[in-house]
Amino acid sequence: MPRPIKCRRVCSLPENNEFGPMSMNNSDFVISMSVDEYETIRLIDLNEMTQEECAIQMNIARTTVQAIYADARKKIADAIVNGKRIFIGGGNVSVCKKYREDCKLGGCRCHFHRNCYNDETNNKE
């Protein structure tokens, strides 16, 4: 029996979930990126965290972060080079809804943006 997938903790859902060429309307050229892939890109590339720090923030193993990050970068490269749209959504995530002492960002991102979601229902509070 395979090991169950551990829920990945994210600070908040992206405010914009679709990116790509403005002239592209064809749905055949859409890349699907999960929320946890988005979160690794945000934490590692934008917030300049190490993979270890990202793993702690997301409550998963560093090797898992490494695999998620590699998949996300490949999808972004494919979108840029081949002119495809990226849609962000889905994934096995738990969205943080409260301040945590172990948050490396000095408090969960949802406290600074008014898009905090409830962990259990993923509905706005």
PDB file of N, CA and C in Angstrom:
ATOM      1  N   MET A   1       0.846  -1.179   0.000  1.00  0.00           N
ATOM      2  CA  MET A   1       0.000   0.000   0.000  1.00  0.00           C
ATOM      3  C   MET A   1       0.893   1.245   0.000  1.00  0.00           C
ATOM      4  N   PRO A   2       0.689   2.175  -0.942  1.00  0.00           N
ATOM      5  CA  PRO A   2       1.513   3.378  -0.993  1.00  0.00           C
ATOM      6  C   PRO A   2       1.221   4.307   0.180  1.00  0.00           C
ATOM      7  N   ARG A   3       2.214   5.081   0.499  1.00  0.00           N
ATOM      8  CA  ARG A   3       2.084   6.044   1.579  1.00  0.00           C
ATOM      9  C   ARG A   3       1.110   7.150   1.155  1.00  0.00           C
ATOM     10  N   PRO A   4       0.198   7.571   2.066  1.00  0.00           N
ATOM     11  CA  PRO A   4      -0.744   8.639   1.699  1.00  0.00           C
ATOM     12  C   PRO A   4      -0.015   9.966   1.498  1.00  0.00           C
ATOM     13  N   ILE A   5      -0.533  10.783   0.592  1.00  0.00           N
ATOM     14  CA  ILE A   5       0.068  12.080   0.316  1.00  0.00           C
ATOM     15  C   ILE A   5      -0.213  13.017   1.481  1.00  0.00           C
ATOM     16  N   LYS A   6       0.848  13.654   1.977  1.00  0.00           N
ATOM     17  CA  LYS A   6       0.729  14.588   3.079  1.00  0.00           C
ATOM     18  C   LYS A   6       0.227  15.932   2.558  1.00  0.00           C
ATOM     19  N   CYS A   7      -0.691  16.532   3.272  1.00  0.00           N
ATOM     20  CA  CYS A   7      -1.235  17.823   2.898  1.00  0.00           C
ATOM     21  C   CYS A   7      -0.142  18.885   2.995  1.00  0.00           C
ATOM     22  N   ARG A   8       0.004  19.704   1.970  1.00  0.00           N
ATOM     23  CA  ARG A   8       1.041  20.743   1.947  1.00  0.00           C
ATOM     24  C   ARG A   8       0.444  22.055   2.437  1.00  0.00           C
ATOM     25  N   ARG A   9       1.110  22.694   3.386  1.00  0.00           N
ATOM     26  CA  ARG A   9       0.609  23.935   3.967  1.00  0.00           C
ATOM     27  C   ARG A   9       1.024  25.122   3.093  1.00  0.00           C
ATOM     28  N   VAL A  10       0.049  25.954   2.733  1.00  0.00           N
ATOM     29  CA  VAL A  10       0.326  27.171   1.965  1.00  0.00           C
ATOM     30  C   VAL A  10      -0.265  28.365   2.710  1.00  0.00           C
ATOM     31  N   CYS A  11       0.354  29.530   2.516  1.00  0.00           N
ATOM     32  CA  CYS A  11      -0.099  30.724   3.227  1.00  0.00           C
ATOM     33  C   CYS A  11      -1.446  31.223   2.722  1.00  0.00           C
ATOM     34  N   SER A  12      -1.626  31.251   1.418  1.00  0.00           N
ATOM     35  CA  SER A  12      -2.899  31.678   0.841  1.00  0.00           C
ATOM     36  C   SER A  12      -2.942  31.267  -0.622  1.00  0.00           C
ATOM     37  N   LEU A  13      -4.126  31.279  -1.166  1.00  0.00           N
ATOM     38  CA  LEU A  13      -4.281  30.963  -2.577  1.00  0.00           C
ATOM     39  C   LEU A  13      -3.853  32.176  -3.395  1.00  0.00           C
ATOM     40  N   PRO A  14      -3.363  31.967  -4.618  1.00  0.00           N
ATOM     41  CA  PRO A  14      -2.928  33.105  -5.426  1.00  0.00           C
ATOM     42  C   PRO A  14      -4.097  34.025  -5.775  1.00  0.00           C
ATOM     43  N   GLU A  15      -3.828  35.320  -5.784  1.00  0.00           N
ATOM     44  CA  GLU A  15      -4.862  36.286  -6.153  1.00  0.00           C
ATOM     45  C   GLU A  15      -5.173  36.189  -7.641  1.00  0.00           C
ATOM     46  N   ASN A  16      -4.178  35.879  -8.450  1.00  0.00           N
ATOM     47  CA  ASN A  16      -4.355  35.668  -9.891  1.00  0.00           C
ATOM     48  C   ASN A  16      -3.969  34.228 -10.184  1.00  0.00           C
ATOM     49  N   ASN A  17      -4.859  33.501 -10.839  1.00  0.00           N
ATOM     50  CA  ASN A  17      -4.565  32.089 -11.054  1.00  0.00           C
ATOM     51  C   ASN A  17      -4.365  31.705 -12.515  1.00  0.00           C
ATOM     52  N   GLU A  18      -4.271  32.707 -13.398  1.00  0.00           N
ATOM     53  CA  GLU A  18      -4.050  32.407 -14.807  1.00  0.00           C
ATOM     54  C   GLU A  18      -3.102  33.443 -15.405  1.00  0.00           C
ATOM     55  N   PHE A  19      -2.083  32.946 -16.121  1.00  0.00           N
ATOM     56  CA  PHE A  19      -1.064  33.795 -16.716  1.00  0.00           C
ATOM     57  C   PHE A  19      -0.744  33.280 -18.110  1.00  0.00           C
ATOM     58  N   GLY A  20      -0.345  34.182 -18.988  1.00  0.00           N
ATOM     59  CA  GLY A  20       0.072  33.750 -20.305  1.00  0.00           C
ATOM     60  C   GLY A  20      -0.001  34.862 -21.324  1.00  0.00           C
ATOM     61  N   PRO A  21       0.279  34.526 -22.568  1.00  0.00           N
ATOM     62  CA  PRO A  21       0.248  35.511 -23.645  1.00  0.00           C
ATOM     63  C   PRO A  21      -1.145  36.112 -23.781  1.00  0.00           C
ATOM     64  N   MET A  22      -1.206  37.419 -23.922  1.00  0.00           N
ATOM     65  CA  MET A  22      -2.500  38.094 -24.037  1.00  0.00           C
ATOM     66  C   MET A  22      -3.228  37.719 -25.314  1.00  0.00           C
ATOM     67  N   SER A  23      -2.507  37.378 -26.352  1.00  0.00           N
ATOM     68  CA  SER A  23      -3.138  37.042 -27.629  1.00  0.00           C
ATOM     69  C   SER A  23      -3.586  35.592 -27.708  1.00  0.00           C
ATOM     70  N   MET A  24      -3.291  34.797 -26.697  1.00  0.00           N
ATOM     71  CA  MET A  24      -3.583  33.360 -26.715  1.00  0.00           C
ATOM     72  C   MET A  24      -4.940  33.075 -26.082  1.00  0.00           C
ATOM     73  N   ASN A  25      -5.892  32.590 -26.851  1.00  0.00           N
ATOM     74  CA  ASN A  25      -7.202  32.215 -26.338  1.00  0.00           C
ATOM     75  C   ASN A  25      -7.473  30.725 -26.498  1.00  0.00           C
ATOM     76  N   ASN A  26      -6.567  29.986 -27.112  1.00  0.00           N
ATOM     77  CA  ASN A  26      -6.752  28.567 -27.374  1.00  0.00           C
ATOM     78  C   ASN A  26      -6.518  27.756 -26.098  1.00  0.00           C
ATOM     79  N   SER A  27      -7.511  26.996 -25.686  1.00  0.00           N
ATOM     80  CA  SER A  27      -7.398  26.209 -24.455  1.00  0.00           C
ATOM     81  C   SER A  27      -6.525  24.967 -24.626  1.00  0.00           C
ATOM     82  N   ASP A  28      -6.063  24.689 -25.860  1.00  0.00           N
ATOM     83  CA  ASP A  28      -5.186  23.547 -26.093  1.00  0.00           C
ATOM     84  C   ASP A  28      -3.783  23.796 -25.542  1.00  0.00           C
ATOM     85  N   PHE A  29      -3.456  25.044 -25.304  1.00  0.00           N
ATOM     86  CA  PHE A  29      -2.120  25.404 -24.863  1.00  0.00           C
ATOM     87  C   PHE A  29      -2.136  25.922 -23.428  1.00  0.00           C
ATOM     88  N   VAL A  30      -2.716  25.140 -22.526  1.00  0.00           N
ATOM     89  CA  VAL A  30      -2.802  25.512 -21.117  1.00  0.00           C
ATOM     90  C   VAL A  30      -2.035  24.502 -20.281  1.00  0.00           C
ATOM     91  N   ILE A  31      -1.196  25.013 -19.405  1.00  0.00           N
ATOM     92  CA  ILE A  31      -0.452  24.175 -18.480  1.00  0.00           C
ATOM     93  C   ILE A  31      -1.099  24.317 -17.109  1.00  0.00           C
ATOM     94  N   SER A  32      -1.376  23.211 -16.476  1.00  0.00           N
ATOM     95  CA  SER A  32      -1.980  23.219 -15.154  1.00  0.00           C
ATOM     96  C   SER A  32      -0.895  23.125 -14.086  1.00  0.00           C
ATOM     97  N   MET A  33      -0.862  24.114 -13.191  1.00  0.00           N
ATOM     98  CA  MET A  33       0.103  24.141 -12.095  1.00  0.00           C
ATOM     99  C   MET A  33      -0.675  24.065 -10.780  1.00  0.00           C
ATOM    100  N   SER A  34      -0.274  23.166  -9.896  1.00  0.00           N
ATOM    101  CA  SER A  34      -0.974  23.033  -8.623  1.00  0.00           C
ATOM    102  C   SER A  34      -0.588  24.166  -7.678  1.00  0.00           C
ATOM    103  N   VAL A  35      -1.393  24.369  -6.655  1.00  0.00           N
ATOM    104  CA  VAL A  35      -1.143  25.439  -5.687  1.00  0.00           C
ATOM    105  C   VAL A  35       0.160  25.190  -4.934  1.00  0.00           C
ATOM    106  N   ASP A  36       0.493  23.935  -4.654  1.00  0.00           N
ATOM    107  CA  ASP A  36       1.752  23.660  -3.949  1.00  0.00           C
ATOM    108  C   ASP A  36       2.962  23.952  -4.837  1.00  0.00           C
ATOM    109  N   GLU A  37       2.837  23.763  -6.150  1.00  0.00           N
ATOM    110  CA  GLU A  37       3.918  24.139  -7.062  1.00  0.00           C
ATOM    111  C   GLU A  37       4.093  25.660  -7.066  1.00  0.00           C
ATOM    112  N   TYR A  38       2.978  26.373  -7.109  1.00  0.00           N
ATOM    113  CA  TYR A  38       3.003  27.837  -7.027  1.00  0.00           C
ATOM    114  C   TYR A  38       3.678  28.290  -5.731  1.00  0.00           C
ATOM    115  N   GLU A  39       3.329  27.649  -4.627  1.00  0.00           N
ATOM    116  CA  GLU A  39       3.867  28.043  -3.317  1.00  0.00           C
ATOM    117  C   GLU A  39       5.378  27.822  -3.242  1.00  0.00           C
ATOM    118  N   THR A  40       5.889  26.734  -3.816  1.00  0.00           N
ATOM    119  CA  THR A  40       7.344  26.531  -3.789  1.00  0.00           C
ATOM    120  C   THR A  40       8.060  27.591  -4.603  1.00  0.00           C
ATOM    121  N   ILE A  41       7.518  27.968  -5.745  1.00  0.00           N
ATOM    122  CA  ILE A  41       8.115  29.039  -6.551  1.00  0.00           C
ATOM    123  C   ILE A  41       8.097  30.348  -5.767  1.00  0.00           C
ATOM    124  N   ARG A  42       6.980  30.641  -5.115  1.00  0.00           N
ATOM    125  CA  ARG A  42       6.850  31.877  -4.339  1.00  0.00           C
ATOM    126  C   ARG A  42       7.851  31.927  -3.191  1.00  0.00           C
ATOM    127  N   LEU A  43       7.951  30.831  -2.453  1.00  0.00           N
ATOM    128  CA  LEU A  43       8.835  30.813  -1.289  1.00  0.00           C
ATOM    129  C   LEU A  43      10.311  30.798  -1.668  1.00  0.00           C
ATOM    130  N   ILE A  44      10.679  29.966  -2.644  1.00  0.00           N
ATOM    131  CA  ILE A  44      12.096  29.813  -2.996  1.00  0.00           C
ATOM    132  C   ILE A  44      12.592  30.962  -3.868  1.00  0.00           C
ATOM    133  N   ASP A  45      11.871  31.279  -4.925  1.00  0.00           N
ATOM    134  CA  ASP A  45      12.354  32.295  -5.862  1.00  0.00           C
ATOM    135  C   ASP A  45      12.028  33.720  -5.428  1.00  0.00           C
ATOM    136  N   LEU A  46      10.810  33.968  -4.994  1.00  0.00           N
ATOM    137  CA  LEU A  46      10.412  35.326  -4.626  1.00  0.00           C
ATOM    138  C   LEU A  46      10.883  35.701  -3.222  1.00  0.00           C
ATOM    139  N   ASN A  47      10.685  34.814  -2.259  1.00  0.00           N
ATOM    140  CA  ASN A  47      11.063  35.111  -0.873  1.00  0.00           C
ATOM    141  C   ASN A  47      12.474  34.660  -0.525  1.00  0.00           C
ATOM    142  N   GLU A  48      13.177  34.076  -1.495  1.00  0.00           N
ATOM    143  CA  GLU A  48      14.577  33.663  -1.357  1.00  0.00           C
ATOM    144  C   GLU A  48      14.828  32.719  -0.184  1.00  0.00           C
ATOM    145  N   MET A  49      13.905  31.788   0.027  1.00  0.00           N
ATOM    146  CA  MET A  49      14.096  30.757   1.045  1.00  0.00           C
ATOM    147  C   MET A  49      14.903  29.616   0.453  1.00  0.00           C
ATOM    148  N   THR A  50      15.567  28.872   1.318  1.00  0.00           N
ATOM    149  CA  THR A  50      16.216  27.645   0.882  1.00  0.00           C
ATOM    150  C   THR A  50      15.141  26.566   0.761  1.00  0.00           C
ATOM    151  N   GLN A  51      15.496  25.457   0.127  1.00  0.00           N
ATOM    152  CA  GLN A  51      14.547  24.356   0.039  1.00  0.00           C
ATOM    153  C   GLN A  51      14.210  23.822   1.433  1.00  0.00           C
ATOM    154  N   GLU A  52      15.158  23.835   2.322  1.00  0.00           N
ATOM    155  CA  GLU A  52      14.920  23.379   3.698  1.00  0.00           C
ATOM    156  C   GLU A  52      13.926  24.298   4.411  1.00  0.00           C
ATOM    157  N   GLU A  53      14.097  25.607   4.281  1.00  0.00           N
ATOM    158  CA  GLU A  53      13.174  26.560   4.893  1.00  0.00           C
ATOM    159  C   GLU A  53      11.783  26.432   4.285  1.00  0.00           C
ATOM    160  N   CYS A  54      11.733  26.236   2.981  1.00  0.00           N
ATOM    161  CA  CYS A  54      10.463  26.043   2.290  1.00  0.00           C
ATOM    162  C   CYS A  54       9.756  24.783   2.797  1.00  0.00           C
ATOM    163  N   ALA A  55      10.518  23.726   2.996  1.00  0.00           N
ATOM    164  CA  ALA A  55       9.962  22.466   3.496  1.00  0.00           C
ATOM    165  C   ALA A  55       9.351  22.646   4.880  1.00  0.00           C
ATOM    166  N   ILE A  56      10.035  23.382   5.734  1.00  0.00           N
ATOM    167  CA  ILE A  56       9.518  23.645   7.084  1.00  0.00           C
ATOM    168  C   ILE A  56       8.239  24.466   6.997  1.00  0.00           C
ATOM    169  N   GLN A  57       8.254  25.496   6.160  1.00  0.00           N
ATOM    170  CA  GLN A  57       7.090  26.362   5.994  1.00  0.00           C
ATOM    171  C   GLN A  57       5.879  25.584   5.491  1.00  0.00           C
ATOM    172  N   MET A  58       6.122  24.652   4.551  1.00  0.00           N
ATOM    173  CA  MET A  58       5.025  23.895   3.950  1.00  0.00           C
ATOM    174  C   MET A  58       4.698  22.606   4.704  1.00  0.00           C
ATOM    175  N   ASN A  59       5.501  22.283   5.714  1.00  0.00           N
ATOM    176  CA  ASN A  59       5.287  21.097   6.545  1.00  0.00           C
ATOM    177  C   ASN A  59       5.418  19.795   5.749  1.00  0.00           C
ATOM    178  N   ILE A  60       6.462  19.754   4.881  1.00  0.00           N
ATOM    179  CA  ILE A  60       6.746  18.559   4.093  1.00  0.00           C
ATOM    180  C   ILE A  60       8.259  18.324   4.072  1.00  0.00           C
ATOM    181  N   ALA A  61       8.685  17.211   3.524  1.00  0.00           N
ATOM    182  CA  ALA A  61      10.112  16.877   3.461  1.00  0.00           C
ATOM    183  C   ALA A  61      10.828  17.725   2.404  1.00  0.00           C
ATOM    184  N   ARG A  62      12.114  17.969   2.615  1.00  0.00           N
ATOM    185  CA  ARG A  62      12.910  18.750   1.674  1.00  0.00           C
ATOM    186  C   ARG A  62      12.948  18.082   0.302  1.00  0.00           C
ATOM    187  N   THR A  63      13.039  16.759   0.290  1.00  0.00           N
ATOM    188  CA  THR A  63      13.070  16.044  -0.994  1.00  0.00           C
ATOM    189  C   THR A  63      11.761  16.227  -1.760  1.00  0.00           C
ATOM    190  N   THR A  64      10.658  16.331  -1.039  1.00  0.00           N
ATOM    191  CA  THR A  64       9.364  16.591  -1.672  1.00  0.00           C
ATOM    192  C   THR A  64       9.352  17.989  -2.273  1.00  0.00           C
ATOM    193  N   VAL A  65       9.875  18.959  -1.532  1.00  0.00           N
ATOM    194  CA  VAL A  65       9.971  20.329  -2.047  1.00  0.00           C
ATOM    195  C   VAL A  65      10.814  20.346  -3.314  1.00  0.00           C
ATOM    196  N   GLN A  66      11.928  19.635  -3.295  1.00  0.00           N
ATOM    197  CA  GLN A  66      12.823  19.592  -4.448  1.00  0.00           C
ATOM    198  C   GLN A  66      12.086  19.075  -5.692  1.00  0.00           C
ATOM    199  N   ALA A  67      11.310  18.026  -5.529  1.00  0.00           N
ATOM    200  CA  ALA A  67      10.566  17.443  -6.653  1.00  0.00           C
ATOM    201  C   ALA A  67       9.466  18.394  -7.148  1.00  0.00           C
ATOM    202  N   ILE A  68       8.726  18.993  -6.212  1.00  0.00           N
ATOM    203  CA  ILE A  68       7.658  19.931  -6.575  1.00  0.00           C
ATOM    204  C   ILE A  68       8.245  21.131  -7.296  1.00  0.00           C
ATOM    205  N   TYR A  69       9.354  21.655  -6.776  1.00  0.00           N
ATOM    206  CA  TYR A  69      10.016  22.838  -7.341  1.00  0.00           C
ATOM    207  C   TYR A  69      10.516  22.561  -8.765  1.00  0.00           C
ATOM    208  N   ALA A  70      11.103  21.391  -8.979  1.00  0.00           N
ATOM    209  CA  ALA A  70      11.592  21.026 -10.311  1.00  0.00           C
ATOM    210  C   ALA A  70      10.436  20.939 -11.308  1.00  0.00           C
ATOM    211  N   ASP A  71       9.316  20.349 -10.902  1.00  0.00           N
ATOM    212  CA  ASP A  71       8.143  20.258 -11.774  1.00  0.00           C
ATOM    213  C   ASP A  71       7.596  21.646 -12.107  1.00  0.00           C
ATOM    214  N   ALA A  72       7.538  22.520 -11.105  1.00  0.00           N
ATOM    215  CA  ALA A  72       7.010  23.870 -11.307  1.00  0.00           C
ATOM    216  C   ALA A  72       7.884  24.669 -12.268  1.00  0.00           C
ATOM    217  N   ARG A  73       9.191  24.578 -12.102  1.00  0.00           N
ATOM    218  CA  ARG A  73      10.104  25.318 -12.982  1.00  0.00           C
ATOM    219  C   ARG A  73      10.000  24.832 -14.430  1.00  0.00           C
ATOM    220  N   LYS A  74       9.847  23.522 -14.606  1.00  0.00           N
ATOM    221  CA  LYS A  74       9.711  22.971 -15.956  1.00  0.00           C
ATOM    222  C   LYS A  74       8.430  23.486 -16.616  1.00  0.00           C
ATOM    223  N   LYS A  75       7.352  23.572 -15.847  1.00  0.00           N
ATOM    224  CA  LYS A  75       6.085  24.078 -16.384  1.00  0.00           C
ATOM    225  C   LYS A  75       6.197  25.556 -16.762  1.00  0.00           C
ATOM    226  N   ILE A  76       6.869  26.343 -15.936  1.00  0.00           N
ATOM    227  CA  ILE A  76       7.046  27.767 -16.225  1.00  0.00           C
ATOM    228  C   ILE A  76       7.900  27.944 -17.479  1.00  0.00           C
ATOM    229  N   ALA A  77       8.961  27.168 -17.587  1.00  0.00           N
ATOM    230  CA  ALA A  77       9.822  27.248 -18.774  1.00  0.00           C
ATOM    231  C   ALA A  77       9.050  26.871 -20.035  1.00  0.00           C
ATOM    232  N   ASP A  78       8.240  25.826 -19.968  1.00  0.00           N
ATOM    233  CA  ASP A  78       7.430  25.399 -21.103  1.00  0.00           C
ATOM    234  C   ASP A  78       6.472  26.512 -21.524  1.00  0.00           C
ATOM    235  N   ALA A  79       5.857  27.164 -20.542  1.00  0.00           N
ATOM    236  CA  ALA A  79       4.914  28.239 -20.834  1.00  0.00           C
ATOM    237  C   ALA A  79       5.611  29.422 -21.497  1.00  0.00           C
ATOM    238  N   ILE A  80       6.769  29.807 -20.995  1.00  0.00           N
ATOM    239  CA  ILE A  80       7.482  30.967 -21.541  1.00  0.00           C
ATOM    240  C   ILE A  80       8.023  30.661 -22.938  1.00  0.00           C
ATOM    241  N   VAL A  81       8.695  29.542 -23.083  1.00  0.00           N
ATOM    242  CA  VAL A  81       9.338  29.205 -24.358  1.00  0.00           C
ATOM    243  C   VAL A  81       8.322  28.894 -25.445  1.00  0.00           C
ATOM    244  N   ASN A  82       7.264  28.179 -25.103  1.00  0.00           N
ATOM    245  CA  ASN A  82       6.303  27.731 -26.111  1.00  0.00           C
ATOM    246  C   ASN A  82       5.016  28.560 -26.157  1.00  0.00           C
ATOM    247  N   GLY A  83       4.961  29.658 -25.418  1.00  0.00           N
ATOM    248  CA  GLY A  83       3.814  30.561 -25.474  1.00  0.00           C
ATOM    249  C   GLY A  83       2.526  29.957 -24.979  1.00  0.00           C
ATOM    250  N   LYS A  84       2.576  29.257 -23.848  1.00  0.00           N
ATOM    251  CA  LYS A  84       1.381  28.625 -23.293  1.00  0.00           C
ATOM    252  C   LYS A  84       0.894  29.401 -22.067  1.00  0.00           C
ATOM    253  N   ARG A  85      -0.377  29.207 -21.751  1.00  0.00           N
ATOM    254  CA  ARG A  85      -0.948  29.810 -20.537  1.00  0.00           C
ATOM    255  C   ARG A  85      -0.737  28.867 -19.362  1.00  0.00           C
ATOM    256  N   ILE A  86      -0.628  29.441 -18.171  1.00  0.00           N
ATOM    257  CA  ILE A  86      -0.528  28.657 -16.940  1.00  0.00           C
ATOM    258  C   ILE A  86      -1.791  28.907 -16.134  1.00  0.00           C
ATOM    259  N   PHE A  87      -2.433  27.834 -15.707  1.00  0.00           N
ATOM    260  CA  PHE A  87      -3.582  27.925 -14.801  1.00  0.00           C
ATOM    261  C   PHE A  87      -3.175  27.311 -13.470  1.00  0.00           C
ATOM    262  N   ILE A  88      -3.334  28.050 -12.373  1.00  0.00           N
ATOM    263  CA  ILE A  88      -2.960  27.575 -11.040  1.00  0.00           C
ATOM    264  C   ILE A  88      -4.212  27.179 -10.289  1.00  0.00           C
ATOM    265  N   GLY A  89      -4.238  25.937  -9.806  1.00  0.00           N
ATOM    266  CA  GLY A  89      -5.369  25.462  -9.029  1.00  0.00           C
ATOM    267  C   GLY A  89      -5.212  23.999  -8.679  1.00  0.00           C
ATOM    268  N   GLY A  90      -5.888  23.601  -7.634  1.00  0.00           N
ATOM    269  CA  GLY A  90      -5.880  22.198  -7.231  1.00  0.00           C
ATOM    270  C   GLY A  90      -4.661  21.821  -6.423  1.00  0.00           C
ATOM    271  N   GLY A  91      -4.571  20.574  -6.104  1.00  0.00           N
ATOM    272  CA  GLY A  91      -3.470  20.070  -5.291  1.00  0.00           C
ATOM    273  C   GLY A  91      -3.944  19.727  -3.897  1.00  0.00           C
ATOM    274  N   ASN A  92      -3.143  18.978  -3.197  1.00  0.00           N
ATOM    275  CA  ASN A  92      -3.473  18.541  -1.849  1.00  0.00           C
ATOM    276  C   ASN A  92      -2.869  19.535  -0.862  1.00  0.00           C
ATOM    277  N   VAL A  93      -3.581  20.639  -0.618  1.00  0.00           N
ATOM    278  CA  VAL A  93      -3.042  21.714   0.214  1.00  0.00           C
ATOM    279  C   VAL A  93      -3.973  22.043   1.367  1.00  0.00           C
ATOM    280  N   SER A  94      -3.373  22.598   2.402  1.00  0.00           N
ATOM    281  CA  SER A  94      -4.091  23.131   3.546  1.00  0.00           C
ATOM    282  C   SER A  94      -3.729  24.604   3.635  1.00  0.00           C
ATOM    283  N   VAL A  95      -4.715  25.473   3.455  1.00  0.00           N
ATOM    284  CA  VAL A  95      -4.453  26.905   3.448  1.00  0.00           C
ATOM    285  C   VAL A  95      -4.486  27.421   4.878  1.00  0.00           C
ATOM    286  N   CYS A  96      -3.405  28.108   5.258  1.00  0.00           N
ATOM    287  CA  CYS A  96      -3.260  28.618   6.617  1.00  0.00           C
ATOM    288  C   CYS A  96      -4.314  29.689   6.890  1.00  0.00           C
ATOM    289  N   LYS A  97      -4.880  29.641   8.085  1.00  0.00           N
ATOM    290  CA  LYS A  97      -5.904  30.627   8.422  1.00  0.00           C
ATOM    291  C   LYS A  97      -5.569  31.426   9.674  1.00  0.00           C
ATOM    292  N   LYS A  98      -4.421  31.205  10.273  1.00  0.00           N
ATOM    293  CA  LYS A  98      -4.108  31.949  11.491  1.00  0.00           C
ATOM    294  C   LYS A  98      -2.610  32.171  11.616  1.00  0.00           C
ATOM    295  N   TYR A  99      -2.243  33.060  12.493  1.00  0.00           N
ATOM    296  CA  TYR A  99      -0.840  33.365  12.730  1.00  0.00           C
ATOM    297  C   TYR A  99      -0.156  32.167  13.374  1.00  0.00           C
ATOM    298  N   ARG A 100       1.024  31.824  12.867  1.00  0.00           N
ATOM    299  CA  ARG A 100       1.811  30.728  13.429  1.00  0.00           C
ATOM    300  C   ARG A 100       3.166  31.269  13.854  1.00  0.00           C
ATOM    301  N   GLU A 101       3.637  30.838  15.002  1.00  0.00           N
ATOM    302  CA  GLU A 101       4.939  31.270  15.496  1.00  0.00           C
ATOM    303  C   GLU A 101       6.071  30.798  14.598  1.00  0.00           C
ATOM    304  N   ASP A 102       5.901  29.630  13.941  1.00  0.00           N
ATOM    305  CA  ASP A 102       6.972  29.076  13.116  1.00  0.00           C
ATOM    306  C   ASP A 102       6.970  29.630  11.693  1.00  0.00           C
ATOM    307  N   CYS A 103       6.113  30.592  11.413  1.00  0.00           N
ATOM    308  CA  CYS A 103       6.039  31.155  10.068  1.00  0.00           C
ATOM    309  C   CYS A 103       7.300  31.969   9.790  1.00  0.00           C
ATOM    310  N   LYS A 104       8.035  31.599   8.743  1.00  0.00           N
ATOM    311  CA  LYS A 104       9.279  32.279   8.379  1.00  0.00           C
ATOM    312  C   LYS A 104       9.031  33.659   7.768  1.00  0.00           C
ATOM    313  N   LEU A 105       7.781  33.962   7.462  1.00  0.00           N
ATOM    314  CA  LEU A 105       7.473  35.229   6.816  1.00  0.00           C
ATOM    315  C   LEU A 105       7.047  36.295   7.827  1.00  0.00           C
ATOM    316  N   GLY A 106       7.195  36.004   9.130  1.00  0.00           N
ATOM    317  CA  GLY A 106       6.812  36.981  10.142  1.00  0.00           C
ATOM    318  C   GLY A 106       5.306  37.078  10.302  1.00  0.00           C
ATOM    319  N   GLY A 107       4.633  35.998  10.067  1.00  0.00           N
ATOM    320  CA  GLY A 107       3.173  35.972  10.108  1.00  0.00           C
ATOM    321  C   GLY A 107       2.669  35.523   8.754  1.00  0.00           C
ATOM    322  N   CYS A 108       1.634  34.750   8.749  1.00  0.00           N
ATOM    323  CA  CYS A 108       1.130  34.216   7.488  1.00  0.00           C
ATOM    324  C   CYS A 108       0.728  35.317   6.530  1.00  0.00           C
ATOM    325  N   ARG A 109       0.975  35.097   5.271  1.00  0.00           N
ATOM    326  CA  ARG A 109       0.709  36.071   4.223  1.00  0.00           C
ATOM    327  C   ARG A 109      -0.748  36.513   4.216  1.00  0.00           C
ATOM    328  N   CYS A 110      -1.644  35.633   4.607  1.00  0.00           N
ATOM    329  CA  CYS A 110      -3.064  35.970   4.549  1.00  0.00           C
ATOM    330  C   CYS A 110      -3.427  37.091   5.514  1.00  0.00           C
ATOM    331  N   HIS A 111      -2.595  37.363   6.500  1.00  0.00           N
ATOM    332  CA  HIS A 111      -2.879  38.459   7.419  1.00  0.00           C
ATOM    333  C   HIS A 111      -2.573  39.810   6.790  1.00  0.00           C
ATOM    334  N   PHE A 112      -1.751  39.822   5.767  1.00  0.00           N
ATOM    335  CA  PHE A 112      -1.370  41.066   5.117  1.00  0.00           C
ATOM    336  C   PHE A 112      -2.197  41.326   3.864  1.00  0.00           C
ATOM    337  N   HIS A 113      -2.847  40.294   3.360  1.00  0.00           N
ATOM    338  CA  HIS A 113      -3.738  40.400   2.200  1.00  0.00           C
ATOM    339  C   HIS A 113      -5.081  39.872   2.657  1.00  0.00           C
ATOM    340  N   ARG A 114      -6.128  40.441   2.233  1.00  0.00           N
ATOM    341  CA  ARG A 114      -7.445  40.041   2.729  1.00  0.00           C
ATOM    342  C   ARG A 114      -8.015  38.856   1.973  1.00  0.00           C
ATOM    343  N   ASN A 115      -7.202  37.838   1.755  1.00  0.00           N
ATOM    344  CA  ASN A 115      -7.693  36.653   1.060  1.00  0.00           C
ATOM    345  C   ASN A 115      -7.398  35.393   1.861  1.00  0.00           C
ATOM    346  N   CYS A 116      -7.614  35.472   3.157  1.00  0.00           N
ATOM    347  CA  CYS A 116      -7.361  34.325   4.028  1.00  0.00           C
ATOM    348  C   CYS A 116      -8.510  33.331   3.906  1.00  0.00           C
ATOM    349  N   TYR A 117      -8.168  32.074   3.823  1.00  0.00           N
ATOM    350  CA  TYR A 117      -9.150  31.016   3.664  1.00  0.00           C
ATOM    351  C   TYR A 117      -9.131  30.086   4.872  1.00  0.00           C
ATOM    352  N   ASN A 118     -10.236  29.424   5.087  1.00  0.00           N
ATOM    353  CA  ASN A 118     -10.379  28.462   6.175  1.00  0.00           C
ATOM    354  C   ASN A 118      -9.756  27.133   5.765  1.00  0.00           C
ATOM    355  N   ASP A 119      -8.944  26.522   6.655  1.00  0.00           N
ATOM    356  CA  ASP A 119      -8.264  25.264   6.340  1.00  0.00           C
ATOM    357  C   ASP A 119      -9.227  24.151   5.940  1.00  0.00           C
ATOM    358  N   GLU A 120     -10.317  24.023   6.661  1.00  0.00           N
ATOM    359  CA  GLU A 120     -11.178  22.863   6.460  1.00  0.00           C
ATOM    360  C   GLU A 120     -12.067  22.990   5.227  1.00  0.00           C
ATOM    361  N   THR A 121     -12.537  24.190   4.915  1.00  0.00           N
ATOM    362  CA  THR A 121     -13.525  24.318   3.844  1.00  0.00           C
ATOM    363  C   THR A 121     -13.021  25.078   2.641  1.00  0.00           C
ATOM    364  N   ASN A 122     -11.883  25.760   2.771  1.00  0.00           N
ATOM    365  CA  ASN A 122     -11.334  26.602   1.708  1.00  0.00           C
ATOM    366  C   ASN A 122     -12.321  27.670   1.248  1.00  0.00           C
ATOM    367  N   ASN A 123     -13.190  28.122   2.169  1.00  0.00           N
ATOM    368  CA  ASN A 123     -14.081  29.247   1.899  1.00  0.00           C
ATOM    369  C   ASN A 123     -13.533  30.476   2.589  1.00  0.00           C
ATOM    370  N   LYS A 124     -13.854  31.661   2.072  1.00  0.00           N
ATOM    371  CA  LYS A 124     -13.384  32.879   2.711  1.00  0.00           C
ATOM    372  C   LYS A 124     -14.008  32.998   4.087  1.00  0.00           C
ATOM    373  N   GLU A 125     -13.193  33.506   5.031  1.00  0.00           N
ATOM    374  CA  GLU A 125     -13.689  33.685   6.405  1.00  0.00           C
ATOM    375  C   GLU A 125     -14.571  34.891   6.493  1.00  0.00           C
TER     376      GLU A 125
END
